[in-house]
Amino acid sequence: MDKGTVRDFSFYSESLGEEMQLLIYIPANYTPLHKYNILIASDGKDYFQLGGIPRLTDELIDEYEIENLIIVGVPYKNIEDRKRKYIPSGDQHEAYLRFLAHELVPYLEGEYSTTALGTNRGLIGDSMAATVSLMAALKYPNIFGKAILHSPYVDEQVMEAVKTAQQIDQLFIYHIIGTDEDAVMLKDKTVKDFLTPNREMHQLMIERGYDTFYEEFEGNHTWKYWKPDLKRALIENFG
């Protein structure tokens, strides 16, 4: 099996006013003669290291289980940085959404041979990174047609966004949550029920007619459960 390459890249964001470190996975079969889908991962370093997404993508492309795919990981700097960018109440949240849609996507389209359709672009994240992935897809459905959510953090602002989003017929939401996520210890040592709000959000999506895949797995808020799900998530979205 041929291995894709991962390049470290530094990108200055005008929206955020800071340098963003990126990880860009390019599949082994890359050629400008073909068109490639794009998947952007917030919590990017976690998806590349803990999730092993480059190796998995190599396998799935090699076995013709998914279409050609370029993956971009956007790591966070620290816990505070993650909160500021990923959750709706964060003071950099709107700027981060603009960075994803109006800076990162145009850059990728300029550098690589991509399919310039929202249906061929996705976002993926776990916990708060899933939240920002969903929020970006709801805000820019023409740019991002897919959001893969591993145990998203859901609050009232997220529910409001799901309730009021327009053009939802263009979106596909892949959404999983663990049955043991009713008492999650957050990094700031507070405990939060993730399960109940996720169930409520799924119910709201059904009522509003979202195209969504939803499953509750037996497990908790850790990579032990998200990593094994990645194969199905990629096939469901890019198969």
Protein backbone atom coordinates (compact mmCIF):
# COMPACT_ATOMS: atom_id res chain seq x y z
CA MET A 1 0.00 0.00 0.00
CA ASP A 2 1.37 3.40 -0.99
CA LYS A 3 1.48 5.95 1.81
CA GLY A 4 0.23 9.49 1.47
CA THR A 5 2.32 12.38 2.75
CA VAL A 6 1.61 14.76 5.62
CA ARG A 7 3.10 18.22 5.39
CA ASP A 8 3.31 20.75 8.21
CA PHE A 9 2.32 24.16 7.03
CA SER A 10 2.05 27.62 8.54
CA PHE A 11 -0.81 29.84 7.34
CA TYR A 12 -1.46 33.43 8.36
CA SER A 13 -5.16 34.08 9.00
CA GLU A 14 -6.34 37.63 8.40
CA SER A 15 -9.65 36.88 10.16
CA LEU A 16 -7.92 35.69 13.33
CA GLY A 17 -4.83 37.88 13.06
CA GLU A 18 -2.50 34.98 13.81
CA GLU A 19 -0.41 32.19 12.33
CA MET A 20 -2.28 28.90 12.08
CA GLN A 21 -0.30 25.65 12.01
CA LEU A 22 -1.83 23.14 9.61
CA LEU A 23 -1.30 19.44 8.88
CA ILE A 24 -2.13 18.56 5.28
CA TYR A 25 -2.53 14.91 4.23
CA ILE A 26 -2.08 14.35 0.49
CA PRO A 27 -2.94 10.82 -0.72
CA ALA A 28 -0.30 8.76 -2.52
CA ASN A 29 -2.38 8.79 -5.72
CA TYR A 30 -2.47 12.60 -5.90
CA THR A 31 -2.32 14.03 -9.40
CA PRO A 32 -3.60 17.40 -10.67
CA LEU A 33 -5.44 15.41 -13.39
CA HIS A 34 -8.00 14.17 -10.84
CA LYS A 35 -10.33 16.08 -8.53
CA TYR A 36 -10.12 15.58 -4.76
CA ASN A 37 -12.62 15.94 -1.91
CA ILE A 38 -11.58 17.98 1.13
CA LEU A 39 -12.06 17.15 4.82
CA ILE A 40 -11.05 19.75 7.44
CA ALA A 41 -10.45 18.49 10.99
CA SER A 42 -10.54 20.85 13.94
CA ASP A 43 -8.63 19.24 16.84
CA GLY A 44 -6.48 18.38 13.85
CA LYS A 45 -3.45 16.97 15.65
CA ASP A 46 -5.72 14.58 17.58
CA TYR A 47 -7.29 13.24 14.38
CA PHE A 48 -3.86 12.75 12.81
CA GLN A 49 -2.14 11.23 15.87
CA LEU A 50 -4.78 9.68 18.15
CA GLY A 51 -7.21 8.91 15.33
CA GLY A 52 -4.57 7.77 12.83
CA ILE A 53 -6.63 9.27 10.02
CA PRO A 54 -3.80 9.44 7.39
CA ARG A 55 -3.09 5.70 7.55
CA LEU A 56 -6.80 4.84 7.56
CA THR A 57 -7.38 7.07 4.53
CA ASP A 58 -4.46 5.40 2.71
CA GLU A 59 -6.16 2.02 3.26
CA LEU A 60 -9.64 3.16 2.24
CA ILE A 61 -8.42 4.87 -0.95
CA ASP A 62 -6.22 1.85 -1.76
CA GLU A 63 -9.23 -0.48 -1.40
CA TYR A 64 -11.52 1.85 -3.42
CA GLU A 65 -13.81 2.25 -0.40
CA ILE A 66 -13.72 6.04 -0.50
CA GLU A 67 -13.22 8.71 -3.15
CA ASN A 68 -9.98 10.69 -3.42
CA LEU A 69 -9.58 12.80 -0.30
CA ILE A 70 -7.26 15.52 1.01
CA ILE A 71 -7.42 16.04 4.80
CA VAL A 72 -6.42 19.22 6.57
CA GLY A 73 -5.84 19.16 10.33
CA VAL A 74 -6.13 22.42 12.25
CA PRO A 75 -4.59 21.90 15.71
CA TYR A 76 -5.49 24.08 18.69
CA LYS A 77 -2.77 25.84 20.68
CA ASN A 78 -4.06 25.16 24.22
CA ILE A 79 -7.31 24.60 26.14
CA GLU A 80 -8.11 28.31 26.29
CA ASP A 81 -7.50 28.75 22.55
CA ARG A 82 -9.80 25.81 21.85
CA LYS A 83 -12.67 27.35 23.82
CA ARG A 84 -12.23 30.78 22.26
CA LYS A 85 -12.47 29.39 18.73
CA TYR A 86 -14.69 26.32 18.94
CA ILE A 87 -17.76 27.15 21.03
CA PRO A 88 -20.32 29.80 20.01
CA SER A 89 -19.73 31.94 23.11
CA GLY A 90 -15.99 32.10 22.37
CA ASP A 91 -14.70 35.54 21.40
CA GLN A 92 -12.87 34.15 18.33
CA HIS A 93 -15.61 31.77 17.21
CA GLU A 94 -17.00 33.86 14.33
CA ALA A 95 -13.49 34.72 13.12
CA TYR A 96 -12.54 31.02 13.15
CA LEU A 97 -15.63 30.18 11.05
CA ARG A 98 -14.58 32.88 8.56
CA PHE A 99 -11.05 31.47 8.51
CA LEU A 100 -12.36 28.00 7.63
CA ALA A 101 -14.75 29.14 4.90
CA HIS A 102 -13.14 32.23 3.39
CA GLU A 103 -9.40 31.68 3.88
CA LEU A 104 -8.62 27.99 4.22
CA VAL A 105 -10.95 26.69 1.47
CA PRO A 106 -9.77 29.25 -1.15
CA TYR A 107 -6.15 28.47 -0.24
CA LEU A 108 -6.70 24.71 -0.70
CA GLU A 109 -8.49 25.26 -4.00
CA GLY A 110 -5.58 27.34 -5.23
CA GLU A 111 -2.97 24.78 -4.18
CA TYR A 112 -4.65 21.48 -5.04
CA SER A 113 -6.97 19.99 -7.63
CA THR A 114 -10.28 19.92 -5.74
CA THR A 115 -13.93 19.56 -6.60
CA ALA A 116 -15.35 23.04 -6.12
CA LEU A 117 -18.69 21.88 -4.67
CA GLY A 118 -19.95 22.01 -1.10
CA THR A 119 -21.06 18.39 -1.36
CA ASN A 120 -17.40 17.41 -1.80
CA ARG A 121 -16.18 19.31 1.26
CA GLY A 122 -16.60 18.17 4.84
CA LEU A 123 -15.69 19.12 8.39
CA ILE A 124 -14.89 16.74 11.23
CA GLY A 125 -14.33 17.18 14.95
CA ASP A 126 -14.70 15.65 18.39
CA SER A 127 -16.29 17.35 21.43
CA MET A 128 -15.89 21.16 21.03
CA ALA A 129 -14.21 20.59 17.65
CA ALA A 130 -17.40 18.81 16.54
CA THR A 131 -19.35 21.87 17.69
CA VAL A 132 -17.34 24.24 15.50
CA SER A 133 -17.57 21.82 12.57
CA LEU A 134 -21.36 21.82 12.85
CA MET A 135 -21.54 25.60 13.29
CA ALA A 136 -19.42 26.18 10.16
CA ALA A 137 -21.57 23.83 8.08
CA LEU A 138 -24.79 25.51 9.31
CA LYS A 139 -23.41 28.97 8.53
CA TYR A 140 -21.86 28.08 5.16
CA PRO A 141 -23.90 25.20 3.67
CA ASN A 142 -22.81 26.14 0.14
CA ILE A 143 -19.16 25.74 1.14
CA PHE A 144 -19.39 22.72 3.48
CA GLY A 145 -21.91 20.01 2.65
CA LYS A 146 -20.93 17.49 5.33
CA ALA A 147 -20.19 17.58 9.05
CA ILE A 148 -18.89 14.56 11.00
CA LEU A 149 -19.62 15.01 14.70
CA HIS A 150 -17.99 12.83 17.33
CA SER A 151 -19.71 13.61 20.64
CA PRO A 152 -20.29 17.35 20.10
CA TYR A 153 -20.58 19.87 22.91
CA VAL A 154 -24.16 21.18 22.59
CA ASP A 155 -25.49 24.28 24.34
CA GLU A 156 -28.43 26.65 23.77
CA GLN A 157 -26.59 28.62 21.08
CA VAL A 158 -25.87 25.42 19.14
CA MET A 159 -29.55 24.39 19.42
CA GLU A 160 -30.63 27.83 18.20
CA ALA A 161 -28.30 27.53 15.19
CA VAL A 162 -29.73 24.10 14.32
CA LYS A 163 -33.27 25.50 14.69
CA THR A 164 -32.75 28.57 12.49
CA ALA A 165 -30.29 27.33 9.84
CA GLN A 166 -31.26 27.84 6.20
CA GLN A 167 -30.54 25.63 3.17
CA ILE A 168 -30.30 22.52 5.33
CA ASP A 169 -31.29 20.39 2.32
CA GLN A 170 -27.66 20.80 1.17
CA LEU A 171 -26.21 19.27 4.36
CA PHE A 172 -25.42 15.76 5.54
CA ILE A 173 -24.75 15.47 9.29
CA TYR A 174 -23.01 12.36 10.65
CA HIS A 175 -23.51 12.33 14.43
CA ILE A 176 -22.52 9.87 17.17
CA ILE A 177 -22.64 10.09 20.97
CA GLY A 178 -21.81 7.60 23.74
CA THR A 179 -24.37 6.27 26.20
CA ASP A 180 -21.84 6.84 29.02
CA GLU A 181 -21.49 10.53 28.17
CA ASP A 182 -24.06 11.71 30.71
CA ALA A 183 -21.26 12.81 33.09
CA VAL A 184 -18.20 13.97 31.17
CA MET A 185 -15.25 15.43 33.07
CA LEU A 186 -14.11 18.43 31.03
CA LYS A 187 -10.50 19.65 30.90
CA ASP A 188 -11.36 22.44 33.36
CA LYS A 189 -12.54 19.72 35.83
CA THR A 190 -16.25 20.58 35.53
CA VAL A 191 -18.68 17.73 34.82
CA LYS A 192 -21.19 18.02 31.98
CA ASP A 193 -24.00 15.88 30.58
CA PHE A 194 -23.29 15.53 26.85
CA LEU A 195 -25.79 12.77 26.15
CA THR A 196 -29.08 14.56 26.89
CA PRO A 197 -28.37 17.68 24.78
CA ASN A 198 -27.13 15.50 21.91
CA ARG A 199 -30.36 13.51 21.98
CA GLU A 200 -32.34 16.75 22.00
CA MET A 201 -30.32 18.12 19.09
CA HIS A 202 -30.84 14.93 17.08
CA GLN A 203 -34.59 15.14 17.75
CA LEU A 204 -34.62 18.74 16.53
CA MET A 205 -32.73 17.73 13.38
CA ILE A 206 -35.30 15.02 12.66
CA GLU A 207 -38.15 17.49 13.18
CA ARG A 208 -36.54 20.01 10.83
CA GLY A 209 -35.84 17.41 8.16
CA TYR A 210 -32.04 17.29 8.24
CA ASP A 211 -30.33 14.49 6.32
CA THR A 212 -28.56 12.88 9.26
CA PHE A 213 -26.92 9.64 10.36
CA TYR A 214 -27.19 9.19 14.14
CA GLU A 215 -25.96 6.47 16.47
CA GLU A 216 -25.40 6.04 20.18
CA PHE A 217 -22.41 3.84 20.97
CA GLU A 218 -21.67 2.07 24.25
CA GLY A 219 -18.80 4.09 25.58
CA ASN A 220 -17.56 7.43 26.86
CA HIS A 221 -16.04 10.72 25.72
CA THR A 222 -12.64 9.42 24.55
CA TRP A 223 -10.62 8.46 21.49
CA LYS A 224 -10.98 4.83 22.54
CA TYR A 225 -14.45 5.03 20.94
CA TRP A 226 -14.03 7.75 18.32
CA LYS A 227 -11.03 6.15 16.59
CA PRO A 228 -12.82 2.86 15.67
CA ASP A 229 -15.71 4.89 14.24
CA LEU A 230 -13.55 6.81 11.77
CA LYS A 231 -13.67 4.12 9.08
CA ARG A 232 -17.47 4.13 8.93
CA ALA A 233 -17.57 7.92 9.15
CA LEU A 234 -15.30 8.31 6.12
CA ILE A 235 -17.17 5.68 4.09
CA GLU A 236 -20.59 7.18 4.93
CA ASN A 237 -19.41 10.63 3.83
CA PHE A 238 -16.95 9.93 1.01
CA GLY A 239 -17.73 6.36 -0.06
